[in-house]
Protein backbone atom coordinates (compact mmCIF):
# COMPACT_ATOMS: atom_id res chain seq x y z
CA MET A 1 55.92 138.12 -12.05
CA LYS A 2 57.85 140.85 -10.16
CA LYS A 3 54.90 143.18 -10.30
CA ARG A 4 52.62 140.46 -8.83
CA MET A 5 55.04 139.87 -5.99
CA SER A 6 55.16 143.58 -5.14
CA LEU A 7 51.28 143.80 -5.03
CA LEU A 8 51.13 140.63 -2.84
CA LEU A 9 53.61 142.27 -0.39
CA VAL A 10 51.71 145.49 -0.33
CA ILE A 11 48.46 143.49 0.50
CA VAL A 12 50.21 141.37 3.26
CA MET A 13 51.86 144.41 4.91
CA SER A 14 48.27 146.15 4.85
CA LEU A 15 46.69 143.20 6.68
CA ALA A 16 49.49 143.07 9.26
CA MET A 17 48.97 146.65 10.01
CA MET A 18 45.16 146.28 10.39
CA LEU A 19 45.64 143.32 12.74
CA THR A 20 48.23 145.25 14.75
CA GLY A 21 45.66 148.14 15.11
CA CYS A 22 42.96 145.89 16.38
CA SER A 23 45.11 144.01 18.79
CA SER A 24 46.13 147.52 20.12
CA SER A 25 42.56 148.63 20.49
CA SER A 26 41.48 145.41 22.15
CA SER A 27 44.21 145.58 24.51
CA SER A 28 43.35 149.19 25.37
CA SER A 29 39.74 148.39 25.87
CA SER A 30 40.83 145.39 28.12
CA SER A 31 43.11 147.36 30.36
CA ASN A 32 40.37 150.04 30.85
CA GLY A 33 37.92 147.57 31.96
CA GLY A 34 35.78 147.91 28.67
CA SER A 35 33.19 150.40 28.07
CA GLY A 36 30.78 148.71 30.52
CA SER A 37 33.27 148.41 33.54
CA ASP A 38 32.04 149.67 36.96
CA SER A 39 35.54 149.89 38.37
CA SER A 40 36.36 153.13 39.80
CA SER A 41 39.42 155.25 38.69
CA SER A 42 42.02 155.98 41.48
CA ASP A 43 41.07 159.45 41.70
CA GLU A 44 37.46 158.79 42.44
CA PHE A 45 35.66 157.94 45.75
CA ARG A 46 32.37 156.20 44.53
CA VAL A 47 29.69 156.28 47.06
CA GLY A 48 26.40 154.49 47.00
CA MET A 49 23.08 155.97 48.65
CA GLU A 50 19.42 156.27 47.84
CA CYS A 51 19.22 160.04 47.85
CA GLY A 52 15.70 159.69 49.50
CA TYR A 53 16.28 159.34 53.04
CA ALA A 54 16.30 163.05 54.35
CA PRO A 55 18.01 164.34 56.35
CA PHE A 56 20.57 161.69 55.63
CA ASN A 57 20.57 162.00 51.85
CA TRP A 58 18.18 163.46 49.36
CA THR A 59 17.86 164.66 45.71
CA GLN A 60 17.83 168.31 44.97
CA SER A 61 18.07 170.16 41.74
CA ASP A 62 21.35 172.05 42.18
CA ASP A 63 24.48 172.22 44.05
CA SER A 64 23.31 174.37 46.86
CA ASN A 65 24.31 173.64 50.57
CA GLY A 66 27.15 171.26 49.37
CA GLY A 67 25.15 169.20 47.03
CA VAL A 68 27.20 166.76 44.82
CA LYS A 69 26.02 165.75 41.42
CA ILE A 70 24.44 162.29 40.98
CA GLN A 71 26.24 160.22 38.41
CA GLY A 72 24.30 159.73 35.20
CA ASN A 73 21.50 162.39 35.58
CA ASP A 74 21.17 166.18 36.10
CA GLU A 75 20.16 165.92 39.72
CA TYR A 76 22.34 166.41 42.91
CA ALA A 77 22.42 164.67 46.26
CA GLY A 78 22.57 166.48 49.47
CA GLY A 79 22.19 165.79 53.11
CA TYR A 80 24.19 164.54 56.11
CA ASP A 81 25.49 161.45 54.50
CA VAL A 82 26.86 163.57 51.45
CA GLN A 83 28.68 165.95 53.87
CA ILE A 84 30.36 162.95 55.64
CA ALA A 85 30.97 161.47 52.19
CA GLN A 86 32.73 164.76 51.17
CA LYS A 87 34.93 164.95 54.20
CA ILE A 88 36.03 161.32 53.56
CA ALA A 89 36.73 161.91 50.02
CA ASP A 90 38.72 165.14 50.64
CA GLY A 91 40.61 163.20 53.33
CA LEU A 92 41.46 160.54 50.52
CA GLY A 93 42.38 163.17 48.23
CA LYS A 94 39.72 161.97 45.82
CA LYS A 95 36.81 163.30 44.04
CA LEU A 96 33.48 162.41 45.19
CA VAL A 97 31.16 160.62 43.07
CA ILE A 98 27.63 159.86 44.12
CA VAL A 99 25.91 156.76 42.65
CA LYS A 100 22.37 156.73 43.20
CA THR A 101 21.21 153.18 44.18
CA GLU A 102 18.14 151.54 45.52
CA TRP A 103 18.55 150.16 49.14
CA ASP A 104 18.55 146.49 48.21
CA GLY A 105 21.17 147.15 45.59
CA LEU A 106 23.60 149.00 47.73
CA VAL A 107 25.33 145.73 49.38
CA PRO A 108 25.61 144.06 46.08
CA ALA A 109 27.02 147.23 44.42
CA VAL A 110 29.85 147.57 47.19
CA GLN A 111 30.62 143.66 46.85
CA SER A 112 30.92 143.89 43.00
CA GLY A 113 33.19 147.13 43.20
CA LYS A 114 30.51 149.03 41.46
CA ILE A 115 30.80 151.60 44.30
CA ASP A 116 33.71 151.94 46.98
CA ALA A 117 31.58 152.61 49.90
CA ILE A 118 27.77 152.66 51.10
CA ILE A 119 27.26 155.93 53.11
CA ALA A 120 23.34 155.76 53.22
CA GLY A 121 22.41 155.78 56.93
CA MET A 122 23.05 152.06 57.15
CA SER A 123 23.39 150.19 60.46
CA PRO A 124 26.31 147.86 61.03
CA THR A 125 24.05 144.93 61.99
CA ALA A 126 25.51 141.36 62.65
CA GLU A 127 23.54 139.97 59.53
CA ARG A 128 25.24 142.65 57.30
CA LYS A 129 28.67 142.15 58.76
CA LYS A 130 28.49 138.57 57.23
CA THR A 131 28.66 140.00 53.71
CA ILE A 132 30.50 143.35 54.00
CA ASP A 133 32.69 145.16 56.50
CA PHE A 134 31.96 148.49 58.27
CA THR A 135 33.86 151.32 59.56
CA ASP A 136 33.54 153.05 62.93
CA VAL A 137 30.07 154.48 63.63
CA TYR A 138 29.65 158.02 62.46
CA TYR A 139 26.13 158.71 63.64
CA THR A 140 23.83 157.22 66.38
CA SER A 141 19.93 157.81 66.67
CA ASP A 142 17.03 156.63 68.33
CA LEU A 143 13.69 155.02 66.89
CA VAL A 144 10.67 156.97 66.81
CA MET A 145 7.30 156.60 65.04
CA VAL A 146 5.95 159.14 62.48
CA VAL A 147 2.25 159.67 62.67
CA LYS A 148 -0.62 162.01 61.59
CA LYS A 149 -0.86 165.56 63.56
CA GLY A 150 -4.08 165.59 65.21
CA GLY A 151 -4.80 161.97 64.64
CA LYS A 152 -5.41 159.14 67.27
CA TYR A 153 -1.80 158.23 67.82
CA GLU A 154 -0.17 161.89 68.08
CA ASN A 155 -0.17 161.74 71.93
CA ALA A 156 1.16 158.21 72.19
CA THR A 157 3.79 157.70 74.72
CA LYS A 158 4.44 153.97 74.67
CA LEU A 159 4.56 151.17 72.21
CA SER A 160 1.25 149.83 73.73
CA ASP A 161 -0.61 152.78 72.61
CA PHE A 162 -0.08 151.73 69.11
CA LYS A 163 -2.26 148.58 69.56
CA GLY A 164 -4.61 148.12 66.58
CA ALA A 165 -2.60 150.71 64.66
CA THR A 166 -1.31 150.01 61.08
CA ILE A 167 2.30 150.62 60.92
CA THR A 168 5.03 149.89 58.47
CA GLY A 169 8.80 150.31 57.93
CA GLN A 170 11.32 150.11 55.05
CA LEU A 171 11.92 146.92 53.44
CA ASN A 172 14.88 144.95 54.54
CA THR A 173 15.53 147.22 57.75
CA PHE A 174 15.39 146.45 61.27
CA HIS A 175 12.81 149.31 61.42
CA TYR A 176 10.38 146.96 59.95
CA THR A 177 11.38 143.96 62.35
CA VAL A 178 10.87 145.82 65.49
CA ILE A 179 7.09 146.51 64.66
CA ASP A 180 6.63 142.73 66.06
CA GLN A 181 7.31 144.40 69.48
CA ILE A 182 3.89 146.12 69.50
CA ASP A 183 1.17 143.83 70.72
CA GLY A 184 -1.85 143.78 68.58
CA VAL A 185 -0.49 145.92 65.78
CA LYS A 186 -1.52 145.67 62.17
CA LYS A 187 1.82 145.16 60.49
CA ASP A 188 1.53 146.61 56.94
CA THR A 189 3.60 145.47 54.02
CA ALA A 190 7.20 146.96 54.08
CA MET A 191 7.74 149.81 51.75
CA ASP A 192 10.67 150.55 49.43
CA ASN A 193 11.67 154.03 50.59
CA PHE A 194 10.74 156.86 53.07
CA PRO A 195 9.10 159.02 50.47
CA ALA A 196 6.58 156.15 49.89
CA MET A 197 5.89 155.75 53.51
CA ARG A 198 5.24 159.61 53.82
CA VAL A 199 2.78 159.46 50.82
CA ALA A 200 0.99 156.49 52.67
CA LEU A 201 0.82 158.13 55.89
CA GLU A 202 -0.50 161.38 54.29
CA SER A 203 -3.26 159.30 52.29
CA GLY A 204 -4.23 157.53 55.45
CA LYS A 205 -3.18 153.90 54.21
CA ILE A 206 -1.09 153.50 57.35
CA ASP A 207 -1.38 155.11 60.78
CA GLY A 208 2.52 155.41 61.30
CA TYR A 209 5.91 154.26 60.14
CA VAL A 210 8.84 153.50 62.17
CA SER A 211 11.99 155.79 61.56
CA GLU A 212 15.11 157.28 63.04
CA ARG A 213 14.84 160.66 64.88
CA PRO A 214 16.58 162.68 62.22
CA GLU A 215 14.06 161.45 59.55
CA GLY A 216 11.37 161.96 61.84
CA VAL A 217 12.44 165.68 62.48
CA SER A 218 12.71 165.91 58.61
CA ALA A 219 9.40 164.55 57.86
CA THR A 220 7.60 166.75 60.36
CA SER A 221 9.52 169.82 59.21
CA ALA A 222 8.69 169.11 55.65
CA ASN A 223 4.93 168.35 56.08
CA ASP A 224 2.74 170.25 58.95
CA ASN A 225 0.37 167.22 58.74
CA PHE A 226 2.92 164.86 60.60
CA ALA A 227 3.96 164.55 64.01
CA MET A 228 6.77 162.53 65.58
CA VAL A 229 6.28 160.22 68.69
CA GLU A 230 9.57 159.91 70.85
CA PHE A 231 9.43 157.28 73.60
CA ALA A 232 11.03 157.62 77.00
CA LYS A 233 13.51 154.93 77.89
CA GLY A 234 11.90 151.63 78.72
CA ASP A 235 8.55 152.66 76.79
CA GLY A 236 9.92 152.52 73.23
CA PHE A 237 11.63 149.76 71.00
CA LYS A 238 14.02 147.47 72.43
CA THR A 239 17.16 147.61 70.13
CA SER A 240 20.90 147.04 70.18
CA ASP A 241 23.66 149.78 69.95
CA GLU A 242 24.52 148.26 66.51
CA ASP A 243 20.79 148.73 65.14
CA THR A 244 20.97 152.51 66.05
CA ALA A 245 24.37 153.25 65.06
CA ILE A 246 25.23 154.20 61.28
CA ALA A 247 28.54 153.31 59.81
CA VAL A 248 30.33 153.24 56.39
CA GLY A 249 29.82 149.88 54.49
CA LEU A 250 32.82 148.65 52.65
CA ALA A 251 33.52 145.24 50.66
CA LYS A 252 35.42 142.68 52.67
CA ASP A 253 38.92 143.38 53.59
CA SER A 254 38.68 146.87 51.84
CA PRO A 255 41.96 148.79 52.22
CA LEU A 256 39.84 151.78 52.67
CA LYS A 257 38.55 150.89 56.22
CA ASP A 258 41.73 151.90 58.26
CA LYS A 259 42.01 155.42 56.20
CA ILE A 260 38.35 156.21 56.59
CA ASN A 261 38.42 155.38 60.19
CA LYS A 262 41.20 157.87 60.75
CA ILE A 263 39.23 160.54 58.93
CA LEU A 264 36.00 159.94 60.88
CA ALA A 265 38.09 160.11 64.02
CA GLY A 266 38.83 163.77 62.97
CA ILE A 267 35.38 164.78 62.91
CA SER A 268 34.33 166.03 66.29
CA GLU A 269 30.94 165.20 67.94
CA ASP A 270 29.96 168.82 67.87
CA GLU A 271 30.65 169.04 64.22
CA ARG A 272 28.76 166.06 63.66
CA LYS A 273 25.82 167.51 65.28
CA ASP A 274 26.29 170.66 63.40
CA LEU A 275 26.24 168.85 60.17
CA MET A 276 23.06 167.03 61.08
CA ASP A 277 21.31 170.40 62.36
CA GLN A 278 22.26 172.00 59.04
CA ALA A 279 20.96 168.95 56.92
CA ILE A 280 17.61 169.10 58.70
CA LYS A 281 17.51 172.89 58.12
CA ASN A 282 18.59 172.51 54.34
CA GLN A 283 16.45 169.62 53.38
CA PRO A 284 14.04 170.27 50.35
CA ALA A 285 10.52 170.78 51.66
CA SER A 286 9.32 168.41 49.13
CA LYS A 287 11.16 165.63 50.51
């Protein structure tokens, strides 16, 4: 009887230890957000961008010219947005982590906490401000039209010159909506990204696409078959200041907003211009 009681005691103690181990493991997993958690650690500044909107952001094969590794693959992100993001991360005392995200997924990503900020050439429009917050502006640019060099529209100077042209813009951007300002235009289906629009222009599927000047300079630098049409004041698209401005997107009431604004205030206009000039110079030709 005594022998049986001892054996029973050993079994009970073993079970208790196993349960304690499971509880501890479960607690640890919970405290870390689980293996599938998107929450960022306190020493990381997680930034979302397309990595496909040169010269603001692009994908490259190495860390040259300040490239930062993209989370989850062997490629790197480069461009103006990456340099701004790096300055912000340094100012916050955090490690910069680039999370490659499709344009339509950027706002949901920052809302859910998958990323801490959107630094992707995004304009702080009134519509976007309904769902996320924005910092102060870190770049301002005018709208242009990218067309085929030597084509019918290369020498255009005003919107009316594009009557009958097949024009597109990026999906879910104000670039696409302003096409309606052109009388008699053939508004083509919006496209997901700028590389796709460049391919469409090269193939002749479209006559041009709406862009911001830095991307237009980038496109014409990368492809000798492209030309950029700039408009004199009053002859181009009618836009608001918020449309042509670019700012950092954050979750509503993010505690990072004031900190980032302070860091941005420390970057002079000359430095911002130099960063953009370098981004245009350093962009991969294939992009």
